[in-house]
Amino acid sequence: MKLLTVYMREVIKRLQEGITRRLAVRENVTVGKNLHVGPGSVIWAPRTLQIGADVYIGKHVTIQVDGQIGDGVLIANGVGVVGRRDHDMHDIGQTIRRSKWVGEDTSLSDPVSIGSDTWIGYNAVIYSGVTIGNSSIVAAGSVVVKDVPANTIVAGVPAKEIKVRFTPEEFEEHWRVLRAAGVHWIGGSK
């Protein structure tokens, strides 16, 4: 009886995860294997968003941009990855509420690139048009408005570099092992 109870809990858990993911992942989004999406999250793209393998997206996350998210990324609860120009604030004769938005005019969309092996901390905000390099960390509550180099830890509003994650030698070894495990480097050559 105990084995049956454990089995039923696992079945219910998998069903809940599947339903949550189906509710969260909307139009124009492709996902890799082993995507976890927490309850209350919304993932949508005006044109296309590609999410890599083994990505964890926490609760109440909003991702509404074009672009790519690499493999092995951890996105904590409450994160926002959103457009900086989602509404046309120069639309003459229209209130901002009624102005063109990125869903109608995809020219307003600036893609985001979040590298593999990246951790985006609780309640961080990342604006569209930004590239976050592989193996970087964005501290909780940070607002990212410009590119973050690979292997960099940023914090603050606006986010600024505070240190590197690995020494150059450790970084090379880290990526040698990750590549051997099938993790893809996102962006420029490495």
Protein backbone atom coordinates (compact mmCIF):
# COMPACT_ATOMS: atom_id res chain seq x y z
CA MET A 1 0.00 0.00 0.00
CA LYS A 2 2.82 2.41 0.87
CA LEU A 3 4.48 1.76 -2.53
CA LEU A 4 1.18 2.54 -4.27
CA THR A 5 0.88 5.83 -2.34
CA VAL A 6 4.41 6.87 -3.33
CA TYR A 7 3.67 5.97 -6.95
CA MET A 8 0.41 7.97 -6.94
CA ARG A 9 2.16 11.02 -5.46
CA GLU A 10 4.75 10.85 -8.25
CA VAL A 11 2.03 10.52 -10.91
CA ILE A 12 0.14 13.50 -9.49
CA LYS A 13 3.35 15.57 -9.28
CA ARG A 14 4.17 14.85 -12.94
CA LEU A 15 0.64 15.73 -14.02
CA GLN A 16 0.78 19.02 -12.12
CA GLU A 17 4.15 19.89 -13.68
CA GLY A 18 2.84 19.08 -17.16
CA ILE A 19 -0.25 21.22 -16.70
CA THR A 20 1.79 24.10 -15.26
CA ARG A 21 4.19 23.98 -18.22
CA ARG A 22 1.34 23.89 -20.75
CA LEU A 23 -0.28 26.91 -19.13
CA ALA A 24 2.99 28.85 -18.92
CA VAL A 25 4.59 28.24 -22.32
CA ARG A 26 2.67 30.27 -24.91
CA GLU A 27 3.09 31.20 -28.58
CA ASN A 28 6.41 31.26 -30.46
CA VAL A 29 8.42 29.42 -27.78
CA THR A 30 10.44 26.23 -28.34
CA VAL A 31 11.90 24.32 -25.41
CA GLY A 32 14.60 21.70 -24.88
CA LYS A 33 14.44 18.58 -22.74
CA ASN A 34 13.85 18.73 -18.99
CA LEU A 35 12.26 22.18 -18.69
CA HIS A 36 10.80 22.97 -15.27
CA VAL A 37 8.35 25.88 -15.03
CA GLY A 38 6.92 27.01 -11.71
CA PRO A 39 3.27 27.95 -11.15
CA GLY A 40 2.16 31.41 -12.19
CA SER A 41 4.88 31.84 -14.82
CA VAL A 42 4.26 33.14 -18.35
CA ILE A 43 6.64 32.56 -21.27
CA TRP A 44 5.77 34.19 -24.61
CA ALA A 45 7.63 35.70 -27.58
CA PRO A 46 6.53 38.16 -30.28
CA ARG A 47 8.43 36.14 -32.93
CA THR A 48 10.62 33.39 -31.45
CA LEU A 49 12.21 32.35 -28.17
CA GLN A 50 14.38 29.23 -27.90
CA ILE A 51 14.95 27.68 -24.48
CA GLY A 52 17.72 25.10 -24.07
CA ALA A 53 17.86 21.81 -22.20
CA ASP A 54 17.72 21.36 -18.43
CA VAL A 55 16.37 24.85 -17.67
CA TYR A 56 14.66 25.68 -14.38
CA ILE A 57 12.19 28.58 -14.33
CA GLY A 58 10.76 29.37 -10.90
CA LYS A 59 7.35 30.60 -9.76
CA HIS A 60 5.77 33.82 -11.01
CA VAL A 61 8.39 34.44 -13.71
CA THR A 62 7.51 36.57 -16.74
CA ILE A 63 9.51 36.07 -19.92
CA GLN A 64 8.03 38.02 -22.83
CA VAL A 65 10.83 38.58 -25.33
CA ASP A 66 12.39 37.16 -28.45
CA GLY A 67 15.78 35.52 -28.15
CA GLN A 68 17.44 32.51 -26.61
CA ILE A 69 18.09 30.96 -23.23
CA GLY A 70 20.94 28.44 -23.05
CA ASP A 71 21.29 25.05 -21.37
CA GLY A 72 21.40 24.50 -17.61
CA VAL A 73 20.01 27.95 -16.76
CA LEU A 74 18.46 28.64 -13.35
CA ILE A 75 15.87 31.43 -13.24
CA ALA A 76 14.63 32.12 -9.71
CA ASN A 77 11.13 33.10 -8.61
CA GLY A 78 9.72 36.48 -9.58
CA VAL A 79 12.17 37.21 -12.40
CA GLY A 80 11.08 39.43 -15.29
CA VAL A 81 12.68 39.25 -18.74
CA VAL A 82 10.76 41.96 -20.53
CA GLY A 83 10.92 44.46 -23.37
CA ARG A 84 12.27 47.94 -22.87
CA ARG A 85 10.24 49.15 -25.89
CA ASP A 86 7.11 46.98 -25.69
CA HIS A 87 4.80 49.94 -26.24
CA ASP A 88 5.34 52.65 -28.85
CA MET A 89 5.55 55.74 -26.66
CA HIS A 90 5.87 57.90 -29.80
CA ASP A 91 2.55 56.75 -31.33
CA ILE A 92 0.99 60.17 -32.04
CA GLY A 93 -2.69 60.51 -31.19
CA GLN A 94 -2.79 57.35 -29.04
CA THR A 95 -2.73 57.03 -25.30
CA ILE A 96 0.07 54.77 -24.11
CA ARG A 97 -2.63 52.23 -23.21
CA ARG A 98 -3.81 52.17 -26.87
CA SER A 99 -0.45 52.62 -28.59
CA LYS A 100 1.07 49.88 -30.74
CA TRP A 101 2.67 47.13 -28.70
CA VAL A 102 5.24 44.47 -29.50
CA GLY A 103 2.53 41.85 -30.13
CA GLU A 104 1.21 43.97 -33.03
CA ASP A 105 4.47 45.52 -34.23
CA THR A 106 7.39 43.11 -33.84
CA SER A 107 9.82 45.84 -34.94
CA LEU A 108 9.60 46.95 -31.30
CA SER A 109 11.20 43.65 -30.20
CA ASP A 110 14.89 43.55 -29.20
CA PRO A 111 16.07 39.94 -28.61
CA VAL A 112 17.63 38.77 -25.36
CA SER A 113 20.41 36.20 -25.09
CA ILE A 114 20.94 34.39 -21.79
CA GLY A 115 23.96 32.12 -21.95
CA SER A 116 24.17 28.55 -20.71
CA ASP A 117 25.03 27.82 -17.06
CA THR A 118 23.60 31.17 -15.95
CA TRP A 119 21.76 31.95 -12.71
CA ILE A 120 19.24 34.79 -12.61
CA GLY A 121 18.46 35.62 -8.96
CA TYR A 122 15.14 36.26 -7.24
CA ASN A 123 13.12 39.23 -8.56
CA ALA A 124 15.81 40.33 -11.02
CA VAL A 125 14.68 42.20 -14.14
CA ILE A 126 16.38 41.82 -17.50
CA TYR A 127 15.48 44.25 -20.28
CA SER A 128 15.29 43.25 -23.91
CA GLY A 129 18.29 43.83 -26.14
CA VAL A 130 20.67 42.51 -23.47
CA THR A 131 23.12 39.63 -23.71
CA ILE A 132 24.06 37.78 -20.52
CA GLY A 133 27.19 35.72 -21.08
CA ASN A 134 27.62 32.03 -20.30
CA SER A 135 28.27 31.08 -16.66
CA SER A 136 27.23 34.48 -15.34
CA ILE A 137 25.18 35.30 -12.26
CA VAL A 138 22.67 38.13 -11.86
CA ALA A 139 22.11 38.87 -8.15
CA ALA A 140 18.64 38.99 -6.65
CA GLY A 141 16.77 42.25 -7.24
CA SER A 142 19.17 43.47 -9.93
CA VAL A 143 18.03 45.36 -13.03
CA VAL A 144 20.08 44.45 -16.10
CA VAL A 145 20.08 47.18 -18.76
CA LYS A 146 23.36 46.40 -20.55
CA ASP A 147 25.34 43.33 -21.61
CA VAL A 148 26.98 41.09 -19.00
CA PRO A 149 30.22 39.34 -20.07
CA ALA A 150 30.63 35.59 -19.62
CA ASN A 151 31.78 34.39 -16.18
CA THR A 152 30.66 37.61 -14.49
CA ILE A 153 28.61 38.28 -11.36
CA VAL A 154 26.53 41.47 -11.48
CA ALA A 155 24.37 43.16 -8.84
CA GLY A 156 22.47 46.38 -8.29
CA VAL A 157 20.17 48.85 -9.99
CA PRO A 158 21.39 49.20 -12.65
CA ALA A 159 23.41 45.97 -12.47
CA LYS A 160 27.17 46.41 -12.35
CA GLU A 161 29.99 43.89 -12.34
CA ILE A 162 31.07 42.95 -8.81
CA LYS A 163 33.42 40.04 -9.56
CA VAL A 164 34.06 37.01 -11.73
CA ARG A 165 32.68 33.58 -10.96
CA PHE A 166 35.78 31.52 -11.84
CA THR A 167 39.46 32.28 -12.36
CA PRO A 168 40.43 32.05 -16.06
CA GLU A 169 41.91 28.59 -15.53
CA GLU A 170 38.84 27.35 -13.62
CA PHE A 171 36.57 28.81 -16.31
CA GLU A 172 38.40 26.90 -19.06
CA GLU A 173 38.20 23.64 -17.10
CA HIS A 174 34.55 24.26 -16.19
CA TRP A 175 33.62 24.65 -19.86
CA ARG A 176 35.73 21.70 -20.95
CA VAL A 177 33.67 19.52 -18.60
CA LEU A 178 30.34 21.17 -19.54
CA ARG A 179 31.00 20.71 -23.27
CA ALA A 180 31.85 17.04 -22.68
CA ALA A 181 28.46 16.73 -20.92
CA GLY A 182 26.66 18.24 -23.94
CA VAL A 183 26.08 21.79 -22.68
CA HIS A 184 26.09 24.29 -25.56
CA TRP A 185 28.06 27.53 -25.49
CA ILE A 186 25.73 30.41 -26.45
CA GLY A 187 27.04 33.36 -28.43
CA GLY A 188 30.54 34.02 -29.74
CA SER A 189 33.20 31.38 -30.10
CA LYS A 190 34.73 29.62 -27.08
